[in-house]
């Protein structure tokens, strides 16, 4: 009989320790995974926010260019009357 087989039912103590440690590790990973998901959601929300801001700037730039061209055409008398 070896030093590790001390249980009554014949299951090696190292096996039960490994299973217990694996279960504890799985339970201990829960808060870390939740925090990671929260950071990911926060980062994704910021990405969407910045993409919307860039789109808004592009639309405002196009509107400003159209207004400038229309004003210049009116100044030079090129606009339809």
Foldseek 3Di string as FASTA:
>chain_A
DDPQQPDPVRDGNVVVVVVVVVVVVVVVCVVVVVVVVVVVVVVVVVVVVVVVVVVVVVVVVVVVVVVVVVVVCVVVVNDDD
